[in-house]
């Protein structure tokens, strides 16, 4: 994941560096994903999440579509 100042900057960078354009997501949405994804591993109730649980976290951040599907 990389952070850019604008969509134009993303497109210029991917072109200049011969990279595929993945998904462009607002920082607020990335923050929503991060808060759901990174639980506190020091918590007594912490346990590794299943693929389906992680996929639910991604969906809860409003990220849907093929790009956001985790492998089985």
N, C-alpha and C. Protein backbone atom coordinates (compact mmCIF):
# COMPACT_ATOMS: atom_id res chain seq x y z
N UNK A 1 0.85 -1.16 0.00
CA UNK A 1 0.00 0.00 0.00
C UNK A 1 0.90 1.23 0.00
N UNK A 2 0.56 2.16 -0.83
CA UNK A 2 1.30 3.42 -0.92
C UNK A 2 0.32 4.58 -0.77
N UNK A 3 0.79 5.66 -0.22
CA UNK A 3 -0.04 6.85 -0.04
C UNK A 3 0.43 7.92 -1.01
N UNK A 4 -0.53 8.51 -1.71
CA UNK A 4 -0.25 9.55 -2.69
C UNK A 4 -1.09 10.78 -2.39
N UNK A 5 -0.67 11.92 -2.91
CA UNK A 5 -1.38 13.17 -2.62
C UNK A 5 -2.64 13.37 -3.46
N UNK A 6 -2.74 12.66 -4.58
CA UNK A 6 -3.92 12.81 -5.44
C UNK A 6 -4.02 11.61 -6.37
N UNK A 7 -5.19 11.47 -6.97
CA UNK A 7 -5.38 10.40 -7.95
C UNK A 7 -4.46 10.61 -9.15
N UNK A 8 -4.27 11.84 -9.53
CA UNK A 8 -3.36 12.15 -10.64
C UNK A 8 -1.94 11.68 -10.31
N UNK A 9 -1.51 11.91 -9.08
CA UNK A 9 -0.17 11.48 -8.65
C UNK A 9 -0.05 9.95 -8.73
N UNK A 10 -1.09 9.23 -8.32
CA UNK A 10 -1.09 7.77 -8.41
C UNK A 10 -0.90 7.34 -9.85
N UNK A 11 -1.69 7.91 -10.73
CA UNK A 11 -1.63 7.51 -12.14
C UNK A 11 -0.27 7.85 -12.76
N UNK A 12 0.27 9.00 -12.45
CA UNK A 12 1.60 9.36 -12.95
C UNK A 12 2.67 8.41 -12.43
N UNK A 13 2.60 8.07 -11.15
CA UNK A 13 3.60 7.19 -10.55
C UNK A 13 3.53 5.79 -11.15
N UNK A 14 2.31 5.25 -11.30
CA UNK A 14 2.20 3.89 -11.85
C UNK A 14 2.70 3.85 -13.29
N UNK A 15 2.42 4.89 -14.05
CA UNK A 15 2.91 4.95 -15.43
C UNK A 15 4.43 5.05 -15.46
N UNK A 16 4.99 5.94 -14.66
CA UNK A 16 6.44 6.16 -14.65
C UNK A 16 7.21 4.94 -14.14
N UNK A 17 6.57 4.14 -13.29
CA UNK A 17 7.25 2.99 -12.69
C UNK A 17 6.77 1.66 -13.25
N UNK A 18 6.04 1.72 -14.36
CA UNK A 18 5.54 0.52 -15.04
C UNK A 18 4.85 -0.44 -14.07
N UNK A 19 3.94 0.11 -13.27
CA UNK A 19 3.19 -0.67 -12.29
C UNK A 19 1.72 -0.71 -12.68
N UNK A 20 1.05 -1.78 -12.31
CA UNK A 20 -0.39 -1.87 -12.53
C UNK A 20 -1.10 -1.01 -11.51
N UNK A 21 -2.18 -0.39 -11.93
CA UNK A 21 -3.00 0.39 -11.03
C UNK A 21 -3.91 -0.57 -10.28
N UNK A 22 -3.82 -0.58 -8.97
CA UNK A 22 -4.66 -1.46 -8.15
C UNK A 22 -5.96 -0.77 -7.84
N UNK A 23 -6.10 -0.32 -6.61
CA UNK A 23 -7.31 0.39 -6.17
C UNK A 23 -6.89 1.71 -5.56
N UNK A 24 -7.68 2.72 -5.81
CA UNK A 24 -7.45 4.04 -5.22
C UNK A 24 -8.52 4.22 -4.15
N UNK A 25 -8.07 4.37 -2.90
CA UNK A 25 -8.99 4.42 -1.76
C UNK A 25 -8.67 5.65 -0.93
N UNK A 26 -9.70 6.40 -0.51
CA UNK A 26 -9.46 7.57 0.35
C UNK A 26 -8.81 7.15 1.68
N UNK A 27 -7.99 8.01 2.21
CA UNK A 27 -7.27 7.71 3.45
C UNK A 27 -8.23 7.38 4.59
N UNK A 28 -9.36 8.04 4.68
CA UNK A 28 -10.34 7.76 5.74
C UNK A 28 -10.83 6.31 5.66
N UNK A 29 -10.98 5.80 4.45
CA UNK A 29 -11.43 4.41 4.28
C UNK A 29 -10.30 3.44 4.65
N UNK A 30 -9.07 3.79 4.33
CA UNK A 30 -7.92 2.96 4.72
C UNK A 30 -7.84 2.90 6.25
N UNK A 31 -8.08 4.04 6.90
CA UNK A 31 -8.05 4.08 8.36
C UNK A 31 -9.14 3.19 8.95
N UNK A 32 -10.33 3.20 8.35
CA UNK A 32 -11.42 2.34 8.80
C UNK A 32 -11.03 0.87 8.68
N UNK A 33 -10.40 0.50 7.58
CA UNK A 33 -9.91 -0.87 7.40
C UNK A 33 -8.86 -1.21 8.46
N UNK A 34 -7.91 -0.32 8.67
CA UNK A 34 -6.82 -0.58 9.63
C UNK A 34 -7.36 -0.79 11.04
N UNK A 35 -8.33 0.01 11.44
CA UNK A 35 -8.89 -0.14 12.79
C UNK A 35 -9.56 -1.50 12.97
N UNK A 36 -10.22 -1.98 11.94
CA UNK A 36 -10.85 -3.29 12.02
C UNK A 36 -9.87 -4.44 11.86
N UNK A 37 -8.83 -4.22 11.09
CA UNK A 37 -7.89 -5.29 10.77
C UNK A 37 -6.91 -5.57 11.91
N UNK A 38 -6.39 -4.50 12.51
CA UNK A 38 -5.33 -4.65 13.51
C UNK A 38 -5.91 -4.65 14.92
N UNK A 39 -6.38 -5.80 15.35
CA UNK A 39 -6.86 -5.95 16.72
C UNK A 39 -5.66 -6.01 17.66
N UNK A 40 -5.89 -5.78 18.92
CA UNK A 40 -4.82 -5.79 19.91
C UNK A 40 -4.44 -7.23 20.27
N UNK A 41 -3.27 -7.72 19.84
CA UNK A 41 -2.89 -9.11 20.13
C UNK A 41 -2.57 -9.33 21.61
N UNK A 42 -2.51 -8.25 22.40
CA UNK A 42 -2.26 -8.41 23.84
C UNK A 42 -3.55 -8.70 24.59
N UNK A 43 -4.68 -8.51 23.93
CA UNK A 43 -5.97 -8.75 24.57
C UNK A 43 -6.13 -10.24 24.89
N UNK A 44 -6.73 -10.55 26.02
CA UNK A 44 -6.96 -11.96 26.40
C UNK A 44 -7.86 -12.67 25.41
N UNK A 45 -8.73 -11.92 24.74
CA UNK A 45 -9.67 -12.54 23.81
C UNK A 45 -9.11 -12.65 22.38
N UNK A 46 -7.87 -12.19 22.17
CA UNK A 46 -7.30 -12.21 20.82
C UNK A 46 -7.09 -13.64 20.35
N UNK A 47 -7.38 -13.85 19.09
CA UNK A 47 -7.07 -15.12 18.41
C UNK A 47 -6.92 -14.81 16.93
N UNK A 48 -6.17 -15.61 16.21
CA UNK A 48 -6.06 -15.37 14.76
C UNK A 48 -7.45 -15.46 14.12
N UNK A 49 -7.69 -14.64 13.13
CA UNK A 49 -8.98 -14.64 12.44
C UNK A 49 -8.96 -15.54 11.24
N UNK A 50 -10.10 -16.09 10.94
CA UNK A 50 -10.24 -16.92 9.74
C UNK A 50 -10.28 -16.03 8.50
N UNK A 51 -10.15 -16.64 7.35
CA UNK A 51 -10.23 -15.92 6.09
C UNK A 51 -11.58 -15.21 5.97
N UNK A 52 -12.65 -15.90 6.35
CA UNK A 52 -13.99 -15.30 6.24
C UNK A 52 -14.15 -14.12 7.20
N UNK A 53 -13.58 -14.20 8.39
CA UNK A 53 -13.64 -13.08 9.33
C UNK A 53 -12.87 -11.88 8.78
N UNK A 54 -11.70 -12.13 8.20
CA UNK A 54 -10.93 -11.04 7.62
C UNK A 54 -11.65 -10.44 6.42
N UNK A 55 -12.30 -11.28 5.62
CA UNK A 55 -13.06 -10.77 4.48
C UNK A 55 -14.20 -9.88 4.97
N UNK A 56 -14.80 -10.23 6.09
CA UNK A 56 -15.88 -9.41 6.67
C UNK A 56 -15.34 -8.05 7.11
N UNK A 57 -14.12 -8.02 7.64
CA UNK A 57 -13.51 -6.75 8.04
C UNK A 57 -13.32 -5.86 6.81
N UNK A 58 -12.85 -6.44 5.73
CA UNK A 58 -12.65 -5.69 4.48
C UNK A 58 -13.99 -5.13 3.99
N UNK A 59 -15.01 -5.97 3.99
CA UNK A 59 -16.34 -5.52 3.55
C UNK A 59 -16.89 -4.42 4.46
N UNK A 60 -16.64 -4.53 5.77
CA UNK A 60 -17.16 -3.53 6.71
C UNK A 60 -16.53 -2.16 6.48
N UNK A 61 -15.37 -2.14 5.84
CA UNK A 61 -14.73 -0.87 5.49
C UNK A 61 -15.24 -0.35 4.15
N UNK A 62 -16.18 -1.08 3.55
CA UNK A 62 -16.77 -0.64 2.29
C UNK A 62 -15.94 -1.02 1.07
N UNK A 63 -15.03 -1.95 1.24
CA UNK A 63 -14.16 -2.37 0.14
C UNK A 63 -14.69 -3.67 -0.44
N UNK A 64 -15.23 -3.59 -1.64
CA UNK A 64 -15.85 -4.76 -2.28
C UNK A 64 -15.35 -4.90 -3.71
N UNK A 65 -15.52 -6.06 -4.25
CA UNK A 65 -15.10 -6.33 -5.63
C UNK A 65 -13.95 -7.31 -5.67
N UNK A 66 -13.62 -7.75 -6.87
CA UNK A 66 -12.58 -8.76 -7.06
C UNK A 66 -11.24 -8.37 -6.44
N UNK A 67 -10.87 -7.11 -6.56
CA UNK A 67 -9.58 -6.66 -6.04
C UNK A 67 -9.46 -6.95 -4.54
N UNK A 68 -10.57 -6.87 -3.81
CA UNK A 68 -10.56 -6.98 -2.35
C UNK A 68 -10.85 -8.39 -1.84
N UNK A 69 -10.96 -9.36 -2.74
CA UNK A 69 -11.23 -10.74 -2.33
C UNK A 69 -9.94 -11.43 -1.90
N UNK A 70 -9.94 -11.97 -0.70
CA UNK A 70 -8.79 -12.73 -0.21
C UNK A 70 -8.77 -14.09 -0.86
N UNK A 71 -7.59 -14.67 -1.05
CA UNK A 71 -7.53 -16.01 -1.63
C UNK A 71 -8.12 -17.05 -0.65
N UNK A 72 -8.63 -18.12 -1.21
CA UNK A 72 -9.16 -19.20 -0.36
C UNK A 72 -8.09 -20.04 0.24
